[in-house]
């Protein structure tokens, strides 16, 4: 039974915003969709024009349905646990700061293509979760297919390690690997800075 008076969680609100933005962009004519990405996606050209809001707005724009789905699954998995530990407002702050950290590193690495997606923010949430609860047993889907049982810390290490590997080798260069790495580092740093306020399970 669900209460009609039940309020949506912060994670549900974040997912809802991402989904609504995606639906809105899909309804636009192709030329308007490109213009929307240029205005709200993150790029060196946009920053050069003074569009600093792009560090936040790019986190809610997605290239296609699979891109959206993968990020929302990650947000649901890590976000629900973190919301219970941190609370709603700190979760939003962590999400946004991780996304900004990812955007900054991506722009420092390559400011050319327009960057969109919540991957940097979600990487930060995953890193924060694995830092708070490093010994927690989880089942991760490697390549979204193969279930692997591991401790949570290894999931964070995989996210950061693979992002760094792809960044250095140039593999999957059409993906914002620097944003993933920057987001993960941002989430890790945020937890380390605020760790005394949380109950950490080792």
N, C-alpha and C. Protein backbone atom coordinates (compact mmCIF):
# COMPACT_ATOMS: atom_id res chain seq x y z
N UNK A 1 0.83 -1.20 0.00
CA UNK A 1 0.00 0.00 0.00
C UNK A 1 0.87 1.25 0.00
N UNK A 2 0.56 2.24 -0.82
CA UNK A 2 1.29 3.50 -0.88
C UNK A 2 0.39 4.62 -0.39
N UNK A 3 0.92 5.46 0.45
CA UNK A 3 0.16 6.60 0.95
C UNK A 3 0.08 7.68 -0.11
N UNK A 4 -1.12 8.25 -0.28
CA UNK A 4 -1.28 9.33 -1.26
C UNK A 4 -0.53 10.58 -0.83
N UNK A 5 -0.25 10.65 0.48
CA UNK A 5 0.42 11.83 1.02
C UNK A 5 1.94 11.68 1.05
N UNK A 6 2.43 10.53 0.58
CA UNK A 6 3.87 10.29 0.59
C UNK A 6 4.57 11.27 -0.34
N UNK A 7 5.61 11.91 0.15
CA UNK A 7 6.37 12.87 -0.65
C UNK A 7 7.44 12.13 -1.43
N UNK A 8 7.74 12.59 -2.64
CA UNK A 8 8.83 11.97 -3.40
C UNK A 8 10.16 12.18 -2.70
N UNK A 9 11.04 11.21 -2.82
CA UNK A 9 12.37 11.34 -2.25
C UNK A 9 13.21 12.26 -3.12
N UNK A 10 14.33 12.69 -2.59
CA UNK A 10 15.23 13.56 -3.35
C UNK A 10 15.74 12.84 -4.60
N UNK A 11 16.03 11.56 -4.46
CA UNK A 11 16.49 10.78 -5.62
C UNK A 11 15.41 10.74 -6.69
N UNK A 12 14.18 10.52 -6.29
CA UNK A 12 13.09 10.50 -7.26
C UNK A 12 12.93 11.85 -7.96
N UNK A 13 13.11 12.93 -7.21
CA UNK A 13 13.01 14.27 -7.80
C UNK A 13 14.13 14.49 -8.83
N UNK A 14 15.35 14.10 -8.47
CA UNK A 14 16.48 14.25 -9.39
C UNK A 14 16.26 13.43 -10.66
N UNK A 15 15.79 12.19 -10.49
CA UNK A 15 15.50 11.36 -11.66
C UNK A 15 14.39 11.99 -12.48
N UNK A 16 13.36 12.50 -11.81
CA UNK A 16 12.25 13.14 -12.51
C UNK A 16 12.70 14.32 -13.34
N UNK A 17 13.58 15.15 -12.80
CA UNK A 17 14.09 16.31 -13.55
C UNK A 17 14.84 15.85 -14.79
N UNK A 18 15.71 14.85 -14.62
CA UNK A 18 16.47 14.33 -15.76
C UNK A 18 15.54 13.77 -16.83
N UNK A 19 14.52 13.03 -16.42
CA UNK A 19 13.59 12.43 -17.39
C UNK A 19 12.77 13.50 -18.09
N UNK A 20 12.29 14.49 -17.36
CA UNK A 20 11.49 15.55 -17.96
C UNK A 20 12.30 16.38 -18.96
N UNK A 21 13.55 16.66 -18.62
CA UNK A 21 14.41 17.40 -19.55
C UNK A 21 14.62 16.57 -20.82
N UNK A 22 14.85 15.27 -20.66
CA UNK A 22 15.05 14.40 -21.82
C UNK A 22 13.82 14.39 -22.71
N UNK A 23 12.64 14.23 -22.10
CA UNK A 23 11.39 14.22 -22.89
C UNK A 23 11.21 15.55 -23.61
N UNK A 24 11.49 16.65 -22.92
CA UNK A 24 11.35 17.97 -23.53
C UNK A 24 12.24 18.10 -24.76
N UNK A 25 13.50 17.68 -24.63
CA UNK A 25 14.44 17.81 -25.75
C UNK A 25 14.02 16.92 -26.91
N UNK A 26 13.48 15.73 -26.60
CA UNK A 26 13.04 14.83 -27.67
C UNK A 26 11.88 15.41 -28.46
N UNK A 27 11.12 16.29 -27.85
CA UNK A 27 9.98 16.91 -28.53
C UNK A 27 10.37 18.10 -29.40
N UNK A 28 11.61 18.55 -29.27
CA UNK A 28 12.07 19.71 -30.04
C UNK A 28 12.43 19.30 -31.46
N UNK A 29 12.28 20.20 -32.44
CA UNK A 29 12.83 19.95 -33.78
C UNK A 29 14.35 19.78 -33.68
N UNK A 30 14.95 19.04 -34.59
CA UNK A 30 16.39 18.77 -34.51
C UNK A 30 17.26 20.01 -34.34
N UNK A 31 16.96 21.08 -35.06
CA UNK A 31 17.80 22.27 -34.94
C UNK A 31 17.65 22.93 -33.57
N UNK A 32 16.45 22.87 -33.01
CA UNK A 32 16.23 23.43 -31.68
C UNK A 32 16.92 22.57 -30.61
N UNK A 33 16.92 21.25 -30.83
CA UNK A 33 17.59 20.35 -29.89
C UNK A 33 19.09 20.62 -29.86
N UNK A 34 19.67 20.86 -31.03
CA UNK A 34 21.10 21.19 -31.10
C UNK A 34 21.38 22.50 -30.38
N UNK A 35 20.49 23.48 -30.59
CA UNK A 35 20.65 24.76 -29.92
C UNK A 35 20.50 24.62 -28.41
N UNK A 36 19.60 23.74 -27.97
CA UNK A 36 19.41 23.49 -26.54
C UNK A 36 20.68 22.92 -25.93
N UNK A 37 21.27 21.92 -26.61
CA UNK A 37 22.51 21.32 -26.13
C UNK A 37 23.63 22.37 -26.05
N UNK A 38 23.70 23.24 -27.05
CA UNK A 38 24.74 24.27 -27.07
C UNK A 38 24.56 25.27 -25.93
N UNK A 39 23.30 25.48 -25.54
CA UNK A 39 23.02 26.45 -24.48
C UNK A 39 23.18 25.85 -23.09
N UNK A 40 22.77 24.59 -22.93
CA UNK A 40 22.75 23.99 -21.59
C UNK A 40 23.74 22.86 -21.41
N UNK A 41 24.30 22.32 -22.52
CA UNK A 41 25.41 21.40 -22.38
C UNK A 41 26.67 22.17 -22.02
N UNK A 42 27.73 21.47 -21.69
CA UNK A 42 28.97 22.12 -21.24
C UNK A 42 30.01 22.08 -22.36
N UNK A 43 30.55 23.25 -22.68
CA UNK A 43 31.58 23.33 -23.72
C UNK A 43 32.48 24.52 -23.47
N UNK A 44 33.68 24.44 -24.02
CA UNK A 44 34.60 25.57 -23.91
C UNK A 44 34.04 26.80 -24.60
N UNK A 45 33.35 26.60 -25.71
CA UNK A 45 32.75 27.72 -26.42
C UNK A 45 31.67 28.39 -25.58
N UNK A 46 30.85 27.58 -24.92
CA UNK A 46 29.81 28.13 -24.08
C UNK A 46 30.38 28.89 -22.89
N UNK A 47 31.40 28.32 -22.27
CA UNK A 47 32.03 29.00 -21.13
C UNK A 47 32.68 30.30 -21.58
N UNK A 48 33.26 30.27 -22.79
CA UNK A 48 33.87 31.48 -23.32
C UNK A 48 32.86 32.59 -23.56
N UNK A 49 31.60 32.19 -23.75
CA UNK A 49 30.53 33.17 -23.94
C UNK A 49 29.89 33.57 -22.62
N UNK A 50 30.48 33.10 -21.52
CA UNK A 50 29.98 33.48 -20.19
C UNK A 50 28.86 32.61 -19.66
N UNK A 51 28.62 31.45 -20.26
CA UNK A 51 27.53 30.58 -19.82
C UNK A 51 28.00 29.64 -18.69
N UNK A 52 28.31 30.22 -17.56
CA UNK A 52 28.84 29.44 -16.44
C UNK A 52 27.83 28.47 -15.87
N UNK A 53 26.53 28.74 -16.12
CA UNK A 53 25.49 27.82 -15.63
C UNK A 53 25.62 26.43 -16.23
N UNK A 54 26.39 26.32 -17.32
CA UNK A 54 26.53 25.03 -17.97
C UNK A 54 27.17 23.98 -17.07
N UNK A 55 27.97 24.41 -16.09
CA UNK A 55 28.57 23.45 -15.16
C UNK A 55 27.50 22.70 -14.38
N UNK A 56 26.33 23.30 -14.22
CA UNK A 56 25.22 22.64 -13.51
C UNK A 56 24.24 22.02 -14.50
N UNK A 57 23.85 22.77 -15.52
CA UNK A 57 22.77 22.31 -16.39
C UNK A 57 23.16 21.10 -17.24
N UNK A 58 24.43 20.94 -17.58
CA UNK A 58 24.82 19.81 -18.42
C UNK A 58 24.52 18.49 -17.74
N UNK A 59 24.43 18.51 -16.40
CA UNK A 59 24.20 17.29 -15.63
C UNK A 59 22.79 16.74 -15.80
N UNK A 60 21.91 17.51 -16.40
CA UNK A 60 20.51 17.10 -16.56
C UNK A 60 20.12 16.90 -18.02
N UNK A 61 21.10 16.95 -18.92
CA UNK A 61 20.84 16.78 -20.35
C UNK A 61 21.50 15.47 -20.81
N UNK A 62 20.77 14.67 -21.59
CA UNK A 62 21.31 13.38 -22.03
C UNK A 62 21.19 13.21 -23.54
N UNK A 63 22.14 12.46 -24.08
CA UNK A 63 22.25 12.32 -25.53
C UNK A 63 21.19 11.40 -26.11
N UNK A 64 20.85 10.32 -25.40
CA UNK A 64 19.87 9.36 -25.90
C UNK A 64 19.30 8.57 -24.72
N UNK A 65 18.36 7.68 -25.02
CA UNK A 65 17.65 6.96 -23.96
C UNK A 65 18.60 6.06 -23.16
N UNK A 66 19.51 5.35 -23.83
CA UNK A 66 20.43 4.46 -23.12
C UNK A 66 21.32 5.26 -22.18
N UNK A 67 21.80 6.41 -22.66
CA UNK A 67 22.61 7.30 -21.83
C UNK A 67 21.85 7.70 -20.57
N UNK A 68 20.60 8.07 -20.75
CA UNK A 68 19.75 8.44 -19.61
C UNK A 68 19.52 7.25 -18.69
N UNK A 69 19.18 6.11 -19.25
CA UNK A 69 18.85 4.92 -18.45
C UNK A 69 20.02 4.48 -17.57
N UNK A 70 21.21 4.41 -18.16
CA UNK A 70 22.38 3.97 -17.39
C UNK A 70 22.65 4.92 -16.23
N UNK A 71 22.58 6.21 -16.49
CA UNK A 71 22.84 7.18 -15.42
C UNK A 71 21.77 7.14 -14.34
N UNK A 72 20.52 6.97 -14.72
CA UNK A 72 19.45 6.94 -13.73
C UNK A 72 19.49 5.67 -12.88
N UNK A 73 19.92 4.57 -13.46
CA UNK A 73 20.10 3.34 -12.66
C UNK A 73 21.19 3.56 -11.61
N UNK A 74 22.30 4.18 -12.01
CA UNK A 74 23.36 4.48 -11.07
C UNK A 74 22.92 5.45 -9.99
N UNK A 75 22.14 6.46 -10.39
CA UNK A 75 21.62 7.43 -9.43
C UNK A 75 20.68 6.76 -8.44
N UNK A 76 19.84 5.87 -8.91
CA UNK A 76 18.90 5.16 -8.04
C UNK A 76 19.65 4.27 -7.06
N UNK A 77 20.64 3.54 -7.55
CA UNK A 77 21.39 2.60 -6.71
C UNK A 77 22.15 3.32 -5.60
N UNK A 78 23.01 4.25 -5.96
CA UNK A 78 23.85 4.93 -4.96
C UNK A 78 23.08 6.02 -4.23
N UNK A 79 22.18 6.70 -4.93
CA UNK A 79 21.48 7.83 -4.33
C UNK A 79 20.57 7.45 -3.20
N UNK A 80 19.84 6.33 -3.34
CA UNK A 80 18.91 5.93 -2.29
C UNK A 80 19.63 5.62 -0.98
N UNK A 81 20.76 4.97 -1.07
CA UNK A 81 21.53 4.65 0.14
C UNK A 81 22.08 5.94 0.75
N UNK A 82 22.64 6.80 -0.09
CA UNK A 82 23.24 8.03 0.42
C UNK A 82 22.20 8.98 1.00
N UNK A 83 21.01 9.00 0.42
CA UNK A 83 19.98 9.90 0.94
C UNK A 83 19.59 9.52 2.36
N UNK A 84 19.57 8.22 2.66
CA UNK A 84 19.23 7.78 4.01
C UNK A 84 20.32 8.16 5.01
N UNK A 85 21.55 8.23 4.54
CA UNK A 85 22.68 8.54 5.42
C UNK A 85 22.89 10.05 5.54
N UNK A 86 22.85 10.75 4.41
CA UNK A 86 23.20 12.16 4.37
C UNK A 86 22.00 13.08 4.56
N UNK A 87 20.85 12.66 4.03
CA UNK A 87 19.70 13.55 3.96
C UNK A 87 19.58 14.12 2.55
N UNK A 88 18.43 14.73 2.27
CA UNK A 88 18.14 15.18 0.92
C UNK A 88 19.02 16.31 0.43
N UNK A 89 19.13 17.39 1.19
CA UNK A 89 19.90 18.55 0.75
C UNK A 89 21.39 18.24 0.56
N UNK A 90 22.03 17.54 1.52
CA UNK A 90 23.44 17.17 1.28
C UNK A 90 23.62 16.28 0.05
N UNK A 91 22.62 15.42 -0.23
CA UNK A 91 22.72 14.57 -1.42
C UNK A 91 22.73 15.41 -2.68
N UNK A 92 21.83 16.40 -2.75
CA UNK A 92 21.79 17.29 -3.91
C UNK A 92 23.10 18.03 -4.06
N UNK A 93 23.64 18.52 -2.94
CA UNK A 93 24.92 19.23 -2.97
C UNK A 93 26.03 18.32 -3.48
N UNK A 94 26.07 17.10 -2.99
CA UNK A 94 27.08 16.13 -3.44
C UNK A 94 26.92 15.84 -4.92
N UNK A 95 25.70 15.65 -5.37
CA UNK A 95 25.42 15.39 -6.79
C UNK A 95 25.93 16.54 -7.66
N UNK A 96 25.57 17.75 -7.29
CA UNK A 96 25.94 18.92 -8.11
C UNK A 96 27.44 19.18 -8.07
N UNK A 97 28.05 19.10 -6.88
CA UNK A 97 29.49 19.36 -6.77
C UNK A 97 30.30 18.31 -7.51
N UNK A 98 29.86 17.05 -7.45
CA UNK A 98 30.56 16.00 -8.20
C UNK A 98 30.46 16.27 -9.69
N UNK A 99 29.26 16.68 -10.13
CA UNK A 99 29.08 17.01 -11.55
C UNK A 99 29.94 18.18 -11.97
N UNK A 100 30.03 19.19 -11.13
CA UNK A 100 30.88 20.35 -11.43
C UNK A 100 32.34 19.92 -11.50
N UNK A 101 32.78 19.10 -10.54
CA UNK A 101 34.17 18.62 -10.54
C UNK A 101 34.46 17.84 -11.83
N UNK A 102 33.50 17.01 -12.23
CA UNK A 102 33.67 16.28 -13.48
C UNK A 102 33.73 17.20 -14.68
N UNK A 103 32.88 18.21 -14.70
CA UNK A 103 32.88 19.17 -15.80
C UNK A 103 34.16 19.96 -15.89
N UNK A 104 34.70 20.36 -14.73
CA UNK A 104 35.95 21.12 -14.72
C UNK A 104 37.08 20.28 -15.29
N UNK A 105 37.20 19.03 -14.85
CA UNK A 105 38.29 18.19 -15.35
C UNK A 105 38.12 17.91 -16.84
N UNK A 106 36.89 17.70 -17.28
CA UNK A 106 36.66 17.45 -18.70
C UNK A 106 37.05 18.66 -19.54
N UNK A 107 36.71 19.86 -19.08
CA UNK A 107 37.06 21.07 -19.82
C UNK A 107 38.57 21.30 -19.82
N UNK A 108 39.23 20.96 -18.72
CA UNK A 108 40.69 21.08 -18.68
C UNK A 108 41.35 20.08 -19.62
N UNK A 109 40.74 18.91 -19.76
CA UNK A 109 41.31 17.88 -20.61
C UNK A 109 40.99 18.13 -22.09
N UNK A 110 39.71 18.45 -22.36
CA UNK A 110 39.29 18.69 -23.73
C UNK A 110 38.04 19.56 -23.71
N UNK A 111 38.15 20.77 -24.20
CA UNK A 111 37.02 21.70 -24.15
C UNK A 111 36.25 21.75 -25.47
N UNK A 112 36.52 20.78 -26.35
CA UNK A 112 35.93 20.83 -27.68
C UNK A 112 34.47 20.42 -27.73
N UNK A 113 34.16 19.11 -27.75
CA UNK A 113 32.77 18.67 -27.91
C UNK A 113 31.89 19.10 -26.73
N UNK A 114 30.58 19.24 -27.01
CA UNK A 114 29.63 19.57 -25.94
C UNK A 114 29.47 18.36 -25.03
N UNK A 115 29.61 18.58 -23.74
CA UNK A 115 29.48 17.51 -22.75
C UNK A 115 28.09 17.54 -22.15
N UNK A 116 27.41 16.40 -22.15
CA UNK A 116 26.09 16.29 -21.53
C UNK A 116 26.03 15.00 -20.72
N UNK A 117 25.17 15.00 -19.70
CA UNK A 117 24.92 13.78 -18.95
C UNK A 117 25.25 13.88 -17.47
N UNK A 118 24.62 13.01 -16.70
CA UNK A 118 24.80 12.98 -15.25
C UNK A 118 25.91 12.04 -14.82
N UNK A 119 26.70 11.54 -15.77
CA UNK A 119 27.70 10.53 -15.44
C UNK A 119 28.71 11.01 -14.40
N UNK A 120 29.17 12.26 -14.52
CA UNK A 120 30.12 12.78 -13.54
C UNK A 120 29.52 12.84 -12.16
N UNK A 121 28.27 13.33 -12.07
CA UNK A 121 27.57 13.41 -10.79
C UNK A 121 27.35 12.02 -10.20
N UNK A 122 26.91 11.08 -11.03
CA UNK A 122 26.65 9.72 -10.57
C UNK A 122 27.95 9.03 -10.15
N UNK A 123 29.03 9.27 -10.88
CA UNK A 123 30.33 8.72 -10.48
C UNK A 123 30.72 9.22 -9.10
N UNK A 124 30.41 10.48 -8.83
CA UNK A 124 30.67 11.03 -7.51
C UNK A 124 29.86 10.36 -6.43
N UNK A 125 28.59 10.05 -6.71
CA UNK A 125 27.74 9.36 -5.74
C UNK A 125 28.26 7.95 -5.49
N UNK A 126 28.66 7.26 -6.55
CA UNK A 126 29.19 5.90 -6.39
C UNK A 126 30.48 5.93 -5.57
N UNK A 127 31.36 6.89 -5.86
CA UNK A 127 32.61 7.00 -5.10
C UNK A 127 32.33 7.34 -3.64
N UNK A 128 31.36 8.22 -3.40
CA UNK A 128 31.01 8.57 -2.02
C UNK A 128 30.46 7.37 -1.28
N UNK A 129 29.59 6.61 -1.93
CA UNK A 129 29.03 5.41 -1.32
C UNK A 129 30.12 4.39 -0.99
N UNK A 130 31.02 4.14 -1.93
CA UNK A 130 32.06 3.14 -1.71
C UNK A 130 33.09 3.61 -0.69
N UNK A 131 33.21 4.92 -0.50
CA UNK A 131 34.11 5.45 0.53
C UNK A 131 33.47 5.37 1.91
N UNK A 132 32.18 5.63 1.98
CA UNK A 132 31.46 5.55 3.26
C UNK A 132 31.33 4.11 3.75
N UNK A 133 31.07 3.20 2.83
CA UNK A 133 30.82 1.80 3.19
C UNK A 133 31.71 0.87 2.37
N UNK A 134 33.02 0.96 2.57
CA UNK A 134 33.95 0.21 1.70
C UNK A 134 33.81 -1.30 1.81
N UNK A 135 33.39 -1.83 2.96
CA UNK A 135 33.32 -3.28 3.14
C UNK A 135 31.95 -3.86 2.85
N UNK A 136 31.00 -3.01 2.48
CA UNK A 136 29.64 -3.51 2.23
C UNK A 136 29.63 -4.44 1.02
N UNK A 137 29.08 -5.66 1.15
CA UNK A 137 29.01 -6.56 -0.01
C UNK A 137 27.93 -6.11 -0.97
N UNK A 138 28.26 -6.03 -2.24
CA UNK A 138 27.30 -5.65 -3.28
C UNK A 138 27.47 -6.57 -4.47
N UNK A 139 26.48 -6.58 -5.34
CA UNK A 139 26.59 -7.30 -6.61
C UNK A 139 26.57 -6.27 -7.72
N UNK A 140 27.66 -6.14 -8.43
CA UNK A 140 27.78 -5.19 -9.53
C UNK A 140 27.64 -5.92 -10.86
N UNK A 141 26.99 -5.27 -11.82
CA UNK A 141 26.87 -5.83 -13.16
C UNK A 141 27.99 -5.29 -14.03
N UNK A 142 29.01 -6.08 -14.24
CA UNK A 142 30.13 -5.69 -15.08
C UNK A 142 29.68 -5.71 -16.54
N UNK A 143 29.87 -4.58 -17.22
CA UNK A 143 29.40 -4.39 -18.59
C UNK A 143 27.88 -4.54 -18.65
N UNK A 144 27.20 -4.29 -17.51
CA UNK A 144 25.75 -4.33 -17.38
C UNK A 144 25.17 -5.70 -17.68
N UNK A 145 26.00 -6.73 -17.66
CA UNK A 145 25.54 -8.08 -17.97
C UNK A 145 26.01 -9.09 -16.93
N UNK A 146 27.30 -9.05 -16.58
CA UNK A 146 27.91 -10.08 -15.74
C UNK A 146 27.81 -9.68 -14.27
N UNK A 147 27.03 -10.43 -13.43
CA UNK A 147 26.95 -10.10 -12.01
C UNK A 147 28.21 -10.55 -11.27
N UNK A 148 28.83 -9.62 -10.55
CA UNK A 148 30.05 -9.92 -9.80
C UNK A 148 29.86 -9.46 -8.36
N UNK A 149 30.09 -10.37 -7.43
CA UNK A 149 29.99 -10.04 -6.01
C UNK A 149 31.30 -9.42 -5.56
N UNK A 150 31.24 -8.28 -4.88
CA UNK A 150 32.45 -7.59 -4.45
C UNK A 150 32.14 -6.69 -3.27
N UNK A 151 33.19 -6.17 -2.63
CA UNK A 151 33.01 -5.15 -1.63
C UNK A 151 32.84 -3.80 -2.33
N UNK A 152 32.09 -2.92 -1.69
CA UNK A 152 31.73 -1.65 -2.35
C UNK A 152 32.95 -0.84 -2.76
N UNK A 153 34.04 -0.92 -1.99
CA UNK A 153 35.21 -0.10 -2.32
C UNK A 153 35.75 -0.43 -3.70
N UNK A 154 35.59 -1.69 -4.14
CA UNK A 154 36.12 -2.07 -5.44
C UNK A 154 35.30 -1.46 -6.57
N UNK A 155 34.03 -1.19 -6.31
CA UNK A 155 33.22 -0.52 -7.33
C UNK A 155 33.74 0.90 -7.55
N UNK A 156 34.03 1.62 -6.46
CA UNK A 156 34.60 2.96 -6.59
C UNK A 156 35.94 2.95 -7.29
N UNK A 157 36.76 1.97 -6.94
CA UNK A 157 38.09 1.86 -7.57
C UNK A 157 37.94 1.56 -9.06
N UNK A 158 36.97 0.73 -9.41
CA UNK A 158 36.75 0.41 -10.82
C UNK A 158 36.31 1.64 -11.62
N UNK A 159 35.38 2.40 -11.04
CA UNK A 159 34.89 3.60 -11.74
C UNK A 159 36.03 4.56 -12.02
N UNK A 160 36.83 4.86 -10.97
CA UNK A 160 37.94 5.80 -11.14
C UNK A 160 39.05 5.21 -12.01
N UNK A 161 39.37 3.94 -11.76
CA UNK A 161 40.47 3.30 -12.48
C UNK A 161 40.20 3.15 -13.97
N UNK A 162 39.00 2.69 -14.32
CA UNK A 162 38.67 2.53 -15.73
C UNK A 162 38.59 3.88 -16.44
N UNK A 163 38.05 4.88 -15.74
CA UNK A 163 37.98 6.22 -16.34
C UNK A 163 39.37 6.75 -16.64
N UNK A 164 40.29 6.56 -15.70
CA UNK A 164 41.67 7.00 -15.90
C UNK A 164 42.33 6.21 -17.03
N UNK A 165 42.10 4.92 -17.07
CA UNK A 165 42.68 4.06 -18.11
C UNK A 165 42.19 4.49 -19.50
N UNK A 166 40.87 4.68 -19.64
CA UNK A 166 40.32 5.10 -20.93
C UNK A 166 40.81 6.49 -21.31
N UNK A 167 40.99 7.34 -20.31
CA UNK A 167 41.44 8.71 -20.57
C UNK A 167 42.87 8.71 -21.10
N UNK A 168 43.72 7.92 -20.48
CA UNK A 168 45.14 7.89 -20.87
C UNK A 168 45.34 7.18 -22.21
N UNK A 169 44.59 6.09 -22.42
CA UNK A 169 44.78 5.31 -23.64
C UNK A 169 44.01 5.86 -24.84
N UNK A 170 43.02 6.72 -24.58
CA UNK A 170 42.21 7.25 -25.67
C UNK A 170 41.09 6.34 -26.11
N UNK A 171 40.89 5.20 -25.40
CA UNK A 171 39.77 4.32 -25.72
C UNK A 171 38.46 4.98 -25.32
N UNK A 172 37.42 4.71 -26.10
CA UNK A 172 36.09 5.29 -25.84
C UNK A 172 36.20 6.81 -25.67
N UNK A 173 36.91 7.43 -26.59
CA UNK A 173 37.17 8.87 -26.49
C UNK A 173 35.92 9.71 -26.69
N UNK A 174 34.84 9.07 -27.21
CA UNK A 174 33.59 9.81 -27.39
C UNK A 174 32.78 9.90 -26.09
N UNK A 175 33.32 9.29 -25.02
CA UNK A 175 32.69 9.33 -23.70
C UNK A 175 33.47 10.31 -22.83
N UNK A 176 32.79 11.01 -21.93
CA UNK A 176 33.46 11.97 -21.06
C UNK A 176 34.20 11.30 -19.92
N UNK A 177 35.28 10.60 -20.25
CA UNK A 177 36.02 9.87 -19.22
C UNK A 177 36.63 10.79 -18.17
N UNK A 178 37.06 11.97 -18.58
CA UNK A 178 37.59 12.93 -17.60
C UNK A 178 36.50 13.39 -16.65
N UNK A 179 35.28 13.52 -17.15
CA UNK A 179 34.15 13.90 -16.29
C UNK A 179 33.85 12.81 -15.28
N UNK A 180 33.93 11.54 -15.71
CA UNK A 180 33.72 10.43 -14.79
C UNK A 180 34.78 10.43 -13.69
N UNK A 181 36.02 10.61 -14.10
CA UNK A 181 37.12 10.61 -13.14
C UNK A 181 37.00 11.81 -12.20
N UNK A 182 36.75 12.98 -12.74
CA UNK A 182 36.61 14.17 -11.91
C UNK A 182 35.46 14.06 -10.94
N UNK A 183 34.33 13.50 -11.40
CA UNK A 183 33.19 13.31 -10.52
C UNK A 183 33.51 12.35 -9.38
N UNK A 184 34.18 11.24 -9.71
CA UNK A 184 34.56 10.26 -8.69
C UNK A 184 35.51 10.87 -7.66
N UNK A 185 36.48 11.64 -8.13
CA UNK A 185 37.41 12.30 -7.21
C UNK A 185 36.68 13.33 -6.35
N UNK A 186 35.72 14.02 -6.95
CA UNK A 186 34.94 15.00 -6.20
C UNK A 186 34.13 14.34 -5.10
N UNK A 187 33.47 13.23 -5.42
CA UNK A 187 32.69 12.50 -4.42
C UNK A 187 33.54 11.96 -3.31
N UNK A 188 34.70 11.42 -3.67
CA UNK A 188 35.63 10.89 -2.67
C UNK A 188 36.12 12.01 -1.74
N UNK A 189 36.50 13.15 -2.33
CA UNK A 189 37.02 14.27 -1.54
C UNK A 189 35.94 14.84 -0.62
N UNK A 190 34.70 14.89 -1.12
CA UNK A 190 33.61 15.43 -0.30
C UNK A 190 33.38 14.58 0.93
N UNK A 191 33.38 13.26 0.75
CA UNK A 191 33.17 12.36 1.88
C UNK A 191 34.33 12.46 2.86
N UNK A 192 35.54 12.50 2.37
CA UNK A 192 36.70 12.61 3.26
C UNK A 192 36.65 13.90 4.07
N UNK A 193 36.21 14.97 3.44
CA UNK A 193 36.13 16.25 4.13
C UNK A 193 35.02 16.24 5.18
N UNK A 194 33.92 15.54 4.89
CA UNK A 194 32.76 15.55 5.77
C UNK A 194 32.63 14.27 6.60
N UNK A 195 33.61 13.41 6.55
CA UNK A 195 33.49 12.06 7.08
C UNK A 195 33.16 12.04 8.57
N UNK A 196 33.64 12.99 9.31
CA UNK A 196 33.39 12.99 10.77
C UNK A 196 31.91 13.12 11.10
N UNK A 197 31.10 13.56 10.13
CA UNK A 197 29.67 13.75 10.37
C UNK A 197 28.87 12.49 10.08
N UNK A 198 29.53 11.45 9.54
CA UNK A 198 28.79 10.26 9.12
C UNK A 198 29.22 9.05 9.94
N UNK A 199 28.35 8.07 9.96
CA UNK A 199 28.66 6.78 10.57
C UNK A 199 29.24 5.89 9.46
N UNK A 200 30.52 5.64 9.52
CA UNK A 200 31.20 4.89 8.47
C UNK A 200 31.37 3.43 8.87
N UNK A 201 31.01 2.52 7.99
CA UNK A 201 31.16 1.09 8.24
C UNK A 201 32.38 0.59 7.51
N UNK A 202 33.30 -0.01 8.23
CA UNK A 202 34.52 -0.49 7.60
C UNK A 202 34.58 -2.01 7.65
